[in-house]
Full PDB file with SEQRES, HELIX, SHEET, SSBOND, CRYST1, ORIGX, SCALE, CONECT and MASTER records, all heavy atoms in Angstrom:
SEQRES   1 A   37  PHE SER PHE TYR ASP LEU PRO GLU GLU ILE HIS LYS LYS          
SEQRES   2 A   37  ALA ASN GLN THR LEU GLN LYS PHE ASP LYS ILE LYS GLU          
SEQRES   3 A   37  GLY VAL LYS TRP TYR GLN GLY ASP HIS SER ILE                  
HELIX    1 AA1 GLU A    8  LYS A   20  1                                  13    
HELIX    2 AA2 ASP A   34  SER A   36  5                                   3    
CRYST1    1.000    1.000    1.000  90.00  90.00  90.00 P 1           1          
ORIGX1      1.000000  0.000000  0.000000        0.00000                         
ORIGX2      0.000000  1.000000  0.000000        0.00000                         
ORIGX3      0.000000  0.000000  1.000000        0.00000                         
SCALE1      1.000000  0.000000  0.000000        0.00000                         
SCALE2      0.000000  1.000000  0.000000        0.00000                         
SCALE3      0.000000  0.000000  1.000000        0.00000                         
ATOM      1  N   PHE A   1     -28.142  28.319  41.229  1.00  0.00           N  
ATOM      2  CA  PHE A   1     -28.788  28.160  42.528  1.00  0.00           C  
ATOM      3  C   PHE A   1     -30.042  27.314  42.294  1.00  0.00           C  
ATOM      4  O   PHE A   1     -30.886  27.668  41.475  1.00  0.00           O  
ATOM      5  CB  PHE A   1     -29.221  29.503  43.117  1.00  0.00           C  
ATOM      6  CG  PHE A   1     -28.103  30.383  43.607  1.00  0.00           C  
ATOM      7  CD1 PHE A   1     -26.780  30.190  43.230  1.00  0.00           C  
ATOM      8  CD2 PHE A   1     -28.375  31.443  44.466  1.00  0.00           C  
ATOM      9  CE1 PHE A   1     -25.763  31.020  43.676  1.00  0.00           C  
ATOM     10  CE2 PHE A   1     -27.372  32.275  44.921  1.00  0.00           C  
ATOM     11  CZ  PHE A   1     -26.056  32.072  44.536  1.00  0.00           C  
ATOM     12  N   SER A   2     -30.174  26.198  42.985  1.00  0.00           N  
ATOM     13  CA  SER A   2     -31.405  25.403  42.881  1.00  0.00           C  
ATOM     14  C   SER A   2     -32.131  25.436  44.218  1.00  0.00           C  
ATOM     15  O   SER A   2     -31.506  25.512  45.281  1.00  0.00           O  
ATOM     16  CB  SER A   2     -31.104  23.969  42.445  1.00  0.00           C  
ATOM     17  OG  SER A   2     -30.129  23.361  43.262  1.00  0.00           O  
ATOM     18  N   PHE A   3     -33.455  25.379  44.151  1.00  0.00           N  
ATOM     19  CA  PHE A   3     -34.294  25.645  45.311  1.00  0.00           C  
ATOM     20  C   PHE A   3     -35.116  24.416  45.679  1.00  0.00           C  
ATOM     21  O   PHE A   3     -35.641  23.710  44.807  1.00  0.00           O  
ATOM     22  CB  PHE A   3     -35.218  26.830  45.028  1.00  0.00           C  
ATOM     23  CG  PHE A   3     -34.495  28.062  44.562  1.00  0.00           C  
ATOM     24  CD1 PHE A   3     -34.910  28.724  43.415  1.00  0.00           C  
ATOM     25  CD2 PHE A   3     -33.389  28.547  45.246  1.00  0.00           C  
ATOM     26  CE1 PHE A   3     -34.246  29.864  42.978  1.00  0.00           C  
ATOM     27  CE2 PHE A   3     -32.716  29.678  44.819  1.00  0.00           C  
ATOM     28  CZ  PHE A   3     -33.145  30.340  43.678  1.00  0.00           C  
ATOM     29  N   TYR A   4     -35.246  24.189  46.999  1.00  0.00           N  
ATOM     30  CA  TYR A   4     -35.926  23.008  47.507  1.00  0.00           C  
ATOM     31  C   TYR A   4     -36.896  23.410  48.613  1.00  0.00           C  
ATOM     32  O   TYR A   4     -36.476  23.812  49.706  1.00  0.00           O  
ATOM     33  CB  TYR A   4     -34.895  21.999  48.045  1.00  0.00           C  
ATOM     34  CG  TYR A   4     -33.817  21.666  47.031  1.00  0.00           C  
ATOM     35  CD1 TYR A   4     -32.734  22.525  46.846  1.00  0.00           C  
ATOM     36  CD2 TYR A   4     -33.903  20.537  46.236  1.00  0.00           C  
ATOM     37  CE1 TYR A   4     -31.764  22.256  45.896  1.00  0.00           C  
ATOM     38  CE2 TYR A   4     -32.938  20.250  45.282  1.00  0.00           C  
ATOM     39  CZ  TYR A   4     -31.874  21.121  45.115  1.00  0.00           C  
ATOM     40  OH  TYR A   4     -30.906  20.858  44.164  1.00  0.00           O  
ATOM     41  N   ASP A   5     -38.176  23.363  48.290  1.00  0.00           N  
ATOM     42  CA  ASP A   5     -39.256  23.592  49.267  1.00  0.00           C  
ATOM     43  C   ASP A   5     -39.163  24.957  49.940  1.00  0.00           C  
ATOM     44  O   ASP A   5     -39.445  25.092  51.137  1.00  0.00           O  
ATOM     45  CB  ASP A   5     -39.256  22.488  50.337  1.00  0.00           C  
ATOM     46  CG  ASP A   5     -39.370  21.097  49.727  1.00  0.00           C  
ATOM     47  OD1 ASP A   5     -40.124  20.937  48.762  1.00  0.00           O  
ATOM     48  OD2 ASP A   5     -38.686  20.176  50.226  1.00  0.00           O  
ATOM     49  N   LEU A   6     -38.765  25.973  49.180  1.00  0.00           N  
ATOM     50  CA  LEU A   6     -38.659  27.310  49.761  1.00  0.00           C  
ATOM     51  C   LEU A   6     -40.042  27.902  49.995  1.00  0.00           C  
ATOM     52  O   LEU A   6     -40.906  27.846  49.108  1.00  0.00           O  
ATOM     53  CB  LEU A   6     -37.884  28.252  48.837  1.00  0.00           C  
ATOM     54  CG  LEU A   6     -36.408  27.952  48.544  1.00  0.00           C  
ATOM     55  CD1 LEU A   6     -35.784  29.132  47.809  1.00  0.00           C  
ATOM     56  CD2 LEU A   6     -35.640  27.653  49.809  1.00  0.00           C  
ATOM     57  N   PRO A   7     -40.291  28.495  51.160  1.00  0.00           N  
ATOM     58  CA  PRO A   7     -41.514  29.279  51.344  1.00  0.00           C  
ATOM     59  C   PRO A   7     -41.563  30.410  50.319  1.00  0.00           C  
ATOM     60  O   PRO A   7     -40.523  30.870  49.842  1.00  0.00           O  
ATOM     61  CB  PRO A   7     -41.377  29.816  52.770  1.00  0.00           C  
ATOM     62  CG  PRO A   7     -40.438  28.870  53.448  1.00  0.00           C  
ATOM     63  CD  PRO A   7     -39.478  28.430  52.378  1.00  0.00           C  
ATOM     64  N   GLU A   8     -42.762  30.855  49.994  1.00  0.00           N  
ATOM     65  CA  GLU A   8     -42.947  31.829  48.923  1.00  0.00           C  
ATOM     66  C   GLU A   8     -42.106  33.091  49.135  1.00  0.00           C  
ATOM     67  O   GLU A   8     -41.486  33.602  48.189  1.00  0.00           O  
ATOM     68  CB  GLU A   8     -44.423  32.200  48.810  1.00  0.00           C  
ATOM     69  CG  GLU A   8     -44.733  33.164  47.678  1.00  0.00           C  
ATOM     70  CD  GLU A   8     -46.212  33.471  47.558  1.00  0.00           C  
ATOM     71  OE1 GLU A   8     -47.015  32.813  48.246  1.00  0.00           O  
ATOM     72  OE2 GLU A   8     -46.563  34.387  46.777  1.00  0.00           O  
ATOM     73  N   GLU A   9     -42.068  33.600  50.365  1.00  0.00           N  
ATOM     74  CA  GLU A   9     -41.350  34.847  50.610  1.00  0.00           C  
ATOM     75  C   GLU A   9     -39.841  34.678  50.417  1.00  0.00           C  
ATOM     76  O   GLU A   9     -39.165  35.547  49.860  1.00  0.00           O  
ATOM     77  CB  GLU A   9     -41.643  35.353  52.026  1.00  0.00           C  
ATOM     78  CG  GLU A   9     -41.078  36.735  52.338  1.00  0.00           C  
ATOM     79  CD  GLU A   9     -41.607  37.837  51.424  1.00  0.00           C  
ATOM     80  OE1 GLU A   9     -42.729  37.686  50.893  1.00  0.00           O  
ATOM     81  OE2 GLU A   9     -40.892  38.842  51.233  1.00  0.00           O  
ATOM     82  N   ILE A  10     -39.285  33.541  50.856  1.00  0.00           N  
ATOM     83  CA  ILE A  10     -37.857  33.292  50.671  1.00  0.00           C  
ATOM     84  C   ILE A  10     -37.549  33.100  49.189  1.00  0.00           C  
ATOM     85  O   ILE A  10     -36.538  33.603  48.678  1.00  0.00           O  
ATOM     86  CB  ILE A  10     -37.406  32.058  51.487  1.00  0.00           C  
ATOM     87  CG1 ILE A  10     -37.531  32.341  52.989  1.00  0.00           C  
ATOM     88  CG2 ILE A  10     -35.965  31.677  51.146  1.00  0.00           C  
ATOM     89  CD1 ILE A  10     -37.127  31.171  53.874  1.00  0.00           C  
ATOM     90  N   HIS A  11     -38.429  32.385  48.488  1.00  0.00           N  
ATOM     91  CA  HIS A  11     -38.229  32.183  47.053  1.00  0.00           C  
ATOM     92  C   HIS A  11     -38.237  33.521  46.318  1.00  0.00           C  
ATOM     93  O   HIS A  11     -37.424  33.754  45.400  1.00  0.00           O  
ATOM     94  CB  HIS A  11     -39.328  31.271  46.508  1.00  0.00           C  
ATOM     95  CG  HIS A  11     -38.949  30.564  45.256  1.00  0.00           C  
ATOM     96  ND1 HIS A  11     -39.537  29.398  44.842  1.00  0.00           N  
ATOM     97  CD2 HIS A  11     -38.024  30.846  44.302  1.00  0.00           C  
ATOM     98  CE1 HIS A  11     -39.005  28.995  43.711  1.00  0.00           C  
ATOM     99  NE2 HIS A  11     -38.086  29.870  43.356  1.00  0.00           N  
ATOM    100  N   LYS A  12     -39.123  34.399  46.716  1.00  0.00           N  
ATOM    101  CA  LYS A  12     -39.207  35.731  46.104  1.00  0.00           C  
ATOM    102  C   LYS A  12     -37.898  36.487  46.291  1.00  0.00           C  
ATOM    103  O   LYS A  12     -37.374  37.107  45.351  1.00  0.00           O  
ATOM    104  CB  LYS A  12     -40.373  36.506  46.718  1.00  0.00           C  
ATOM    105  CG  LYS A  12     -40.538  37.927  46.189  1.00  0.00           C  
ATOM    106  CD  LYS A  12     -41.693  38.619  46.888  1.00  0.00           C  
ATOM    107  CE  LYS A  12     -41.808  40.087  46.441  1.00  0.00           C  
ATOM    108  NZ  LYS A  12     -42.930  40.770  47.144  1.00  0.00           N  
ATOM    109  N   LYS A  13     -37.350  36.450  47.493  1.00  0.00           N  
ATOM    110  CA  LYS A  13     -36.093  37.169  47.766  1.00  0.00           C  
ATOM    111  C   LYS A  13     -34.921  36.542  47.004  1.00  0.00           C  
ATOM    112  O   LYS A  13     -34.017  37.240  46.541  1.00  0.00           O  
ATOM    113  CB  LYS A  13     -35.833  37.197  49.272  1.00  0.00           C  
ATOM    114  CG  LYS A  13     -36.851  38.038  50.051  1.00  0.00           C  
ATOM    115  CD  LYS A  13     -36.550  38.056  51.531  1.00  0.00           C  
ATOM    116  CE  LYS A  13     -37.632  38.799  52.307  1.00  0.00           C  
ATOM    117  NZ  LYS A  13     -37.732  40.219  51.939  1.00  0.00           N  
ATOM    118  N   ALA A  14     -34.950  35.221  46.863  1.00  0.00           N  
ATOM    119  CA  ALA A  14     -33.901  34.559  46.085  1.00  0.00           C  
ATOM    120  C   ALA A  14     -33.947  35.020  44.632  1.00  0.00           C  
ATOM    121  O   ALA A  14     -32.908  35.299  44.017  1.00  0.00           O  
ATOM    122  CB  ALA A  14     -34.065  33.047  46.174  1.00  0.00           C  
ATOM    123  N   ASN A  15     -35.147  35.103  44.078  1.00  0.00           N  
ATOM    124  CA  ASN A  15     -35.282  35.569  42.696  1.00  0.00           C  
ATOM    125  C   ASN A  15     -34.843  37.018  42.536  1.00  0.00           C  
ATOM    126  O   ASN A  15     -34.260  37.398  41.508  1.00  0.00           O  
ATOM    127  CB  ASN A  15     -36.727  35.401  42.223  1.00  0.00           C  
ATOM    128  CG  ASN A  15     -37.065  33.954  41.907  1.00  0.00           C  
ATOM    129  OD1 ASN A  15     -36.196  33.179  41.523  1.00  0.00           O  
ATOM    130  ND2 ASN A  15     -38.331  33.588  42.080  1.00  0.00           N  
ATOM    131  N   GLN A  16     -35.105  37.840  43.539  1.00  0.00           N  
ATOM    132  CA  GLN A  16     -34.645  39.233  43.495  1.00  0.00           C  
ATOM    133  C   GLN A  16     -33.118  39.295  43.432  1.00  0.00           C  
ATOM    134  O   GLN A  16     -32.547  40.112  42.703  1.00  0.00           O  
ATOM    135  CB  GLN A  16     -35.164  39.990  44.726  1.00  0.00           C  
ATOM    136  CG  GLN A  16     -36.665  40.244  44.697  1.00  0.00           C  
ATOM    137  CD  GLN A  16     -37.188  40.791  46.012  1.00  0.00           C  
ATOM    138  OE1 GLN A  16     -36.496  40.796  47.032  1.00  0.00           O  
ATOM    139  NE2 GLN A  16     -38.426  41.273  45.999  1.00  0.00           N  
ATOM    140  N   THR A  17     -32.462  38.417  44.180  1.00  0.00           N  
ATOM    141  CA  THR A  17     -31.002  38.351  44.136  1.00  0.00           C  
ATOM    142  C   THR A  17     -30.525  37.888  42.763  1.00  0.00           C  
ATOM    143  O   THR A  17     -29.597  38.475  42.185  1.00  0.00           O  
ATOM    144  CB  THR A  17     -30.464  37.407  45.229  1.00  0.00           C  
ATOM    145  OG1 THR A  17     -30.715  37.996  46.517  1.00  0.00           O  
ATOM    146  CG2 THR A  17     -28.971  37.179  45.071  1.00  0.00           C  
ATOM    147  N   LEU A  18     -31.140  36.862  42.220  1.00  0.00           N  
ATOM    148  CA  LEU A  18     -30.717  36.355  40.915  1.00  0.00           C  
ATOM    149  C   LEU A  18     -30.841  37.419  39.827  1.00  0.00           C  
ATOM    150  O   LEU A  18     -30.021  37.459  38.895  1.00  0.00           O  
ATOM    151  CB  LEU A  18     -31.528  35.125  40.529  1.00  0.00           C  
ATOM    152  CG  LEU A  18     -31.302  33.849  41.350  1.00  0.00           C  
ATOM    153  CD1 LEU A  18     -32.019  32.665  40.705  1.00  0.00           C  
ATOM    154  CD2 LEU A  18     -29.826  33.521  41.508  1.00  0.00           C  
ATOM    155  N   GLN A  19     -31.844  38.277  39.940  1.00  0.00           N  
ATOM    156  CA  GLN A  19     -32.032  39.336  38.939  1.00  0.00           C  
ATOM    157  C   GLN A  19     -30.879  40.330  38.932  1.00  0.00           C  
ATOM    158  O   GLN A  19     -30.633  41.001  37.930  1.00  0.00           O  
ATOM    159  CB  GLN A  19     -33.354  40.055  39.185  1.00  0.00           C  
ATOM    160  CG  GLN A  19     -34.574  39.203  38.851  1.00  0.00           C  
ATOM    161  CD  GLN A  19     -35.878  39.827  39.315  1.00  0.00           C  
ATOM    162  OE1 GLN A  19     -35.920  40.995  39.718  1.00  0.00           O  
ATOM    163  NE2 GLN A  19     -36.953  39.048  39.267  1.00  0.00           N  
ATOM    164  N   LYS A  20     -30.155  40.412  40.024  1.00  0.00           N  
ATOM    165  CA  LYS A  20     -29.018  41.344  40.128  1.00  0.00           C  
ATOM    166  C   LYS A  20     -27.735  40.779  39.528  1.00  0.00           C  
ATOM    167  O   LYS A  20     -26.806  41.542  39.235  1.00  0.00           O  
ATOM    168  CB  LYS A  20     -28.751  41.705  41.600  1.00  0.00           C  
ATOM    169  CG  LYS A  20     -29.738  42.658  42.227  1.00  0.00           C  
ATOM    170  CD  LYS A  20     -29.329  43.001  43.647  1.00  0.00           C  
ATOM    171  CE  LYS A  20     -27.958  43.671  43.722  1.00  0.00           C  
ATOM    172  NZ  LYS A  20     -27.608  44.069  45.109  1.00  0.00           N  
ATOM    173  N   PHE A  21     -27.663  39.470  39.358  1.00  0.00           N  
ATOM    174  CA  PHE A  21     -26.406  38.827  38.960  1.00  0.00           C  
ATOM    175  C   PHE A  21     -26.636  38.037  37.677  1.00  0.00           C  
ATOM    176  O   PHE A  21     -27.227  36.949  37.699  1.00  0.00           O  
ATOM    177  CB  PHE A  21     -25.889  37.923  40.083  1.00  0.00           C  
ATOM    178  CG  PHE A  21     -25.491  38.663  41.325  1.00  0.00           C  
ATOM    179  CD1 PHE A  21     -26.447  38.990  42.289  1.00  0.00           C  
ATOM    180  CD2 PHE A  21     -24.174  39.068  41.521  1.00  0.00           C  
ATOM    181  CE1 PHE A  21     -26.078  39.684  43.432  1.00  0.00           C  
ATOM    182  CE2 PHE A  21     -23.806  39.760  42.654  1.00  0.00           C  
ATOM    183  CZ  PHE A  21     -24.752  40.081  43.617  1.00  0.00           C  
ATOM    184  N   ASP A  22     -26.159  38.559  36.557  1.00  0.00           N  
ATOM    185  CA  ASP A  22     -26.469  37.935  35.273  1.00  0.00           C  
ATOM    186  C   ASP A  22     -25.645  36.676  34.990  1.00  0.00           C  
ATOM    187  O   ASP A  22     -25.891  35.992  33.993  1.00  0.00           O  
ATOM    188  CB  ASP A  22     -26.325  38.943  34.126  1.00  0.00           C  
ATOM    189  CG  ASP A  22     -24.909  39.519  34.001  1.00  0.00           C  
ATOM    190  OD1 ASP A  22     -24.024  39.106  34.789  1.00  0.00           O  
ATOM    191  OD2 ASP A  22     -24.693  40.377  33.132  1.00  0.00           O  
ATOM    192  N   LYS A  23     -24.675  36.370  35.832  1.00  0.00           N  
ATOM    193  CA  LYS A  23     -23.890  35.142  35.658  1.00  0.00           C  
ATOM    194  C   LYS A  23     -24.374  34.015  36.572  1.00  0.00           C  
ATOM    195  O   LYS A  23     -23.720  32.979  36.698  1.00  0.00           O  
ATOM    196  CB  LYS A  23     -22.408  35.407  35.929  1.00  0.00           C  
ATOM    197  CG  LYS A  23     -21.773  36.435  34.987  1.00  0.00           C  
ATOM    198  CD  LYS A  23     -21.769  35.966  33.547  1.00  0.00           C  
ATOM    199  CE  LYS A  23     -21.036  36.962  32.654  1.00  0.00           C  
ATOM    200  NZ  LYS A  23     -21.092  36.551  31.227  1.00  0.00           N  
ATOM    201  N   ILE A  24     -25.528  34.228  37.210  1.00  0.00           N  
ATOM    202  CA  ILE A  24     -26.107  33.214  38.087  1.00  0.00           C  
ATOM    203  C   ILE A  24     -27.545  32.976  37.649  1.00  0.00           C  
ATOM    204  O   ILE A  24     -28.296  33.919  37.402  1.00  0.00           O  
ATOM    205  CB  ILE A  24     -26.077  33.650  39.567  1.00  0.00           C  
ATOM    206  CG1 ILE A  24     -24.660  34.019  40.006  1.00  0.00           C  
ATOM    207  CG2 ILE A  24     -26.628  32.542  40.461  1.00  0.00           C  
ATOM    208  CD1 ILE A  24     -24.566  34.577  41.416  1.00  0.00           C  
ATOM    209  N   LYS A  25     -27.926  31.706  37.558  1.00  0.00           N  
ATOM    210  CA  LYS A  25     -29.282  31.383  37.148  1.00  0.00           C  
ATOM    211  C   LYS A  25     -29.876  30.343  38.093  1.00  0.00           C  
ATOM    212  O   LYS A  25     -29.169  29.726  38.902  1.00  0.00           O  
ATOM    213  CB  LYS A  25     -29.298  30.841  35.718  1.00  0.00           C  
ATOM    214  CG  LYS A  25     -28.665  29.466  35.561  1.00  0.00           C  
ATOM    215  CD  LYS A  25     -28.887  28.922  34.144  1.00  0.00           C  
ATOM    216  CE  LYS A  25     -28.374  27.494  34.002  1.00  0.00           C  
ATOM    217  NZ  LYS A  25     -28.672  26.923  32.667  1.00  0.00           N  
ATOM    218  N   GLU A  26     -31.196  30.155  37.999  1.00  0.00           N  
ATOM    219  CA  GLU A  26     -31.804  29.053  38.728  1.00  0.00           C  
ATOM    220  C   GLU A  26     -31.447  27.753  38.020  1.00  0.00           C  
ATOM    221  O   GLU A  26     -31.611  27.630  36.804  1.00  0.00           O  
ATOM    222  CB  GLU A  26     -33.320  29.205  38.812  1.00  0.00           C  
ATOM    223  CG  GLU A  26     -33.971  28.073  39.600  1.00  0.00           C  
ATOM    224  CD  GLU A  26     -35.441  28.277  39.891  1.00  0.00           C  
ATOM    225  OE1 GLU A  26     -35.955  29.380  39.632  1.00  0.00           O  
ATOM    226  OE2 GLU A  26     -36.077  27.319  40.385  1.00  0.00           O  
ATOM    227  N   GLY A  27     -30.941  26.798  38.768  1.00  0.00           N  
ATOM    228  CA  GLY A  27     -30.454  25.562  38.177  1.00  0.00           C  
ATOM    229  C   GLY A  27     -31.375  24.384  38.415  1.00  0.00           C  
ATOM    230  O   GLY A  27     -32.376  24.476  39.146  1.00  0.00           O  
ATOM    231  N   VAL A  28     -31.038  23.264  37.804  1.00  0.00           N  
ATOM    232  CA  VAL A  28     -31.812  22.039  37.976  1.00  0.00           C  
ATOM    233  C   VAL A  28     -31.585  21.479  39.374  1.00  0.00           C  
ATOM    234  O   VAL A  28     -30.547  21.713  40.006  1.00  0.00           O  
ATOM    235  CB  VAL A  28     -31.414  20.986  36.925  1.00  0.00           C  
ATOM    236  CG1 VAL A  28     -31.720  21.493  35.526  1.00  0.00           C  
ATOM    237  CG2 VAL A  28     -29.929  20.610  37.047  1.00  0.00           C  
ATOM    238  N   LYS A  29     -32.568  20.750  39.868  1.00  0.00           N  
ATOM    239  CA  LYS A  29     -32.436  20.129  41.184  1.00  0.00           C  
ATOM    240  C   LYS A  29     -31.479  18.936  41.110  1.00  0.00           C  
ATOM    241  O   LYS A  29     -31.466  18.190  40.137  1.00  0.00           O  
ATOM    242  CB  LYS A  29     -33.796  19.691  41.702  1.00  0.00           C  
ATOM    243  CG  LYS A  29     -34.698  20.848  42.154  1.00  0.00           C  
ATOM    244  CD  LYS A  29     -36.002  20.311  42.708  1.00  0.00           C  
ATOM    245  CE  LYS A  29     -36.811  21.410  43.392  1.00  0.00           C  
ATOM    246  NZ  LYS A  29     -37.210  22.485  42.483  1.00  0.00           N  
ATOM    247  N   TRP A  30     -30.684  18.779  42.151  1.00  0.00           N  
ATOM    248  CA  TRP A  30     -29.802  17.616  42.291  1.00  0.00           C  
ATOM    249  C   TRP A  30     -29.683  17.322  43.783  1.00  0.00           C  
ATOM    250  O   TRP A  30     -29.880  18.210  44.609  1.00  0.00           O  
ATOM    251  CB  TRP A  30     -28.431  17.880  41.663  1.00  0.00           C  
ATOM    252  CG  TRP A  30     -27.698  19.069  42.245  1.00  0.00           C  
ATOM    253  CD1 TRP A  30     -27.975  20.387  42.036  1.00  0.00           C  
ATOM    254  CD2 TRP A  30     -26.610  19.028  43.150  1.00  0.00           C  
ATOM    255  NE1 TRP A  30     -27.115  21.178  42.759  1.00  0.00           N  
ATOM    256  CE2 TRP A  30     -26.260  20.373  43.450  1.00  0.00           C  
ATOM    257  CE3 TRP A  30     -25.873  17.997  43.735  1.00  0.00           C  
ATOM    258  CZ2 TRP A  30     -25.219  20.708  44.319  1.00  0.00           C  
ATOM    259  CZ3 TRP A  30     -24.824  18.336  44.600  1.00  0.00           C  
ATOM    260  CH2 TRP A  30     -24.511  19.680  44.884  1.00  0.00           C  
ATOM    261  N   TYR A  31     -29.364  16.093  44.123  1.00  0.00           N  
ATOM    262  CA  TYR A  31     -29.469  15.687  45.528  1.00  0.00           C  
ATOM    263  C   TYR A  31     -28.194  15.049  46.086  1.00  0.00           C  
ATOM    264  O   TYR A  31     -28.179  14.625  47.240  1.00  0.00           O  
ATOM    265  CB  TYR A  31     -30.648  14.718  45.688  1.00  0.00           C  
ATOM    266  CG  TYR A  31     -31.972  15.390  45.390  1.00  0.00           C  
ATOM    267  CD1 TYR A  31     -32.501  15.367  44.094  1.00  0.00           C  
ATOM    268  CD2 TYR A  31     -32.672  16.070  46.377  1.00  0.00           C  
ATOM    269  CE1 TYR A  31     -33.711  15.995  43.811  1.00  0.00           C  
ATOM    270  CE2 TYR A  31     -33.881  16.700  46.102  1.00  0.00           C  
ATOM    271  CZ  TYR A  31     -34.391  16.663  44.810  1.00  0.00           C  
ATOM    272  OH  TYR A  31     -35.579  17.305  44.536  1.00  0.00           O  
ATOM    273  N   GLN A  32     -27.114  15.002  45.294  1.00  0.00           N  
ATOM    274  CA  GLN A  32     -25.884  14.359  45.754  1.00  0.00           C  
ATOM    275  C   GLN A  32     -25.010  15.345  46.516  1.00  0.00           C  
ATOM    276  O   GLN A  32     -23.861  15.595  46.157  1.00  0.00           O  
ATOM    277  CB  GLN A  32     -25.113  13.783  44.549  1.00  0.00           C  
ATOM    278  CG  GLN A  32     -25.860  12.694  43.810  1.00  0.00           C  
ATOM    279  CD  GLN A  32     -26.634  13.215  42.616  1.00  0.00           C  
ATOM    280  OE1 GLN A  32     -27.250  14.265  42.678  1.00  0.00           O  
ATOM    281  NE2 GLN A  32     -26.606  12.490  41.506  1.00  0.00           N  
ATOM    282  N   GLY A  33     -25.558  15.929  47.569  1.00  0.00           N  
ATOM    283  CA  GLY A  33     -24.813  16.905  48.362  1.00  0.00           C  
ATOM    284  C   GLY A  33     -25.402  17.034  49.750  1.00  0.00           C  
ATOM    285  O   GLY A  33     -26.444  16.442  50.073  1.00  0.00           O  
ATOM    286  N   ASP A  34     -24.757  17.828  50.591  1.00  0.00           N  
ATOM    287  CA  ASP A  34     -25.160  17.929  51.986  1.00  0.00           C  
ATOM    288  C   ASP A  34     -26.498  18.638  52.183  1.00  0.00           C  
ATOM    289  O   ASP A  34     -27.089  18.532  53.270  1.00  0.00           O  
ATOM    290  CB  ASP A  34     -24.070  18.648  52.792  1.00  0.00           C  
ATOM    291  CG  ASP A  34     -22.846  17.767  53.020  1.00  0.00           C  
ATOM    292  OD1 ASP A  34     -23.012  16.538  53.071  1.00  0.00           O  
ATOM    293  OD2 ASP A  34     -21.731  18.312  53.141  1.00  0.00           O  
ATOM    294  N   HIS A  35     -26.993  19.353  51.176  1.00  0.00           N  
ATOM    295  CA  HIS A  35     -28.321  19.954  51.328  1.00  0.00           C  
ATOM    296  C   HIS A  35     -29.390  18.878  51.516  1.00  0.00           C  
ATOM    297  O   HIS A  35     -30.434  19.139  52.120  1.00  0.00           O  
ATOM    298  CB  HIS A  35     -28.660  20.849  50.125  1.00  0.00           C  
ATOM    299  CG  HIS A  35     -28.460  20.233  48.792  1.00  0.00           C  
ATOM    300  ND1 HIS A  35     -27.205  19.953  48.276  1.00  0.00           N  
ATOM    301  CD2 HIS A  35     -29.341  19.823  47.835  1.00  0.00           C  
ATOM    302  CE1 HIS A  35     -27.330  19.408  47.084  1.00  0.00           C  
ATOM    303  NE2 HIS A  35     -28.612  19.315  46.795  1.00  0.00           N  
ATOM    304  N   SER A  36     -29.128  17.653  51.028  1.00  0.00           N  
ATOM    305  CA  SER A  36     -30.110  16.580  51.184  1.00  0.00           C  
ATOM    306  C   SER A  36     -30.359  16.239  52.654  1.00  0.00           C  
ATOM    307  O   SER A  36     -31.453  15.798  53.015  1.00  0.00           O  
ATOM    308  CB  SER A  36     -29.651  15.336  50.429  1.00  0.00           C  
ATOM    309  OG  SER A  36     -29.744  15.532  49.035  1.00  0.00           O  
ATOM    310  N   ILE A  37     -29.336  16.414  53.500  1.00  0.00           N  
ATOM    311  CA  ILE A  37     -29.522  16.172  54.929  1.00  0.00           C  
ATOM    312  C   ILE A  37     -30.630  17.057  55.477  1.00  0.00           C  
ATOM    313  O   ILE A  37     -31.483  16.624  56.262  1.00  0.00           O  
ATOM    314  CB  ILE A  37     -28.207  16.449  55.691  1.00  0.00           C  
ATOM    315  CG1 ILE A  37     -27.113  15.493  55.245  1.00  0.00           C  
ATOM    316  CG2 ILE A  37     -28.417  16.372  57.198  1.00  0.00           C  
ATOM    317  CD1 ILE A  37     -25.753  15.862  55.788  1.00  0.00           C  
TER     318      ILE A  37                                                      
MASTER        0    0    0    2    0    0    0    6  317    1    0    3          
END                                                                             
């Protein structure tokens, strides 16, 4: 999961989710996808 300009509270909740799932990590940023829109 990579994060782009997340407000602090949303980023905090995302990290809480990642802590529950050991096969998911914070990833590098990339822009060749629809999130860029």
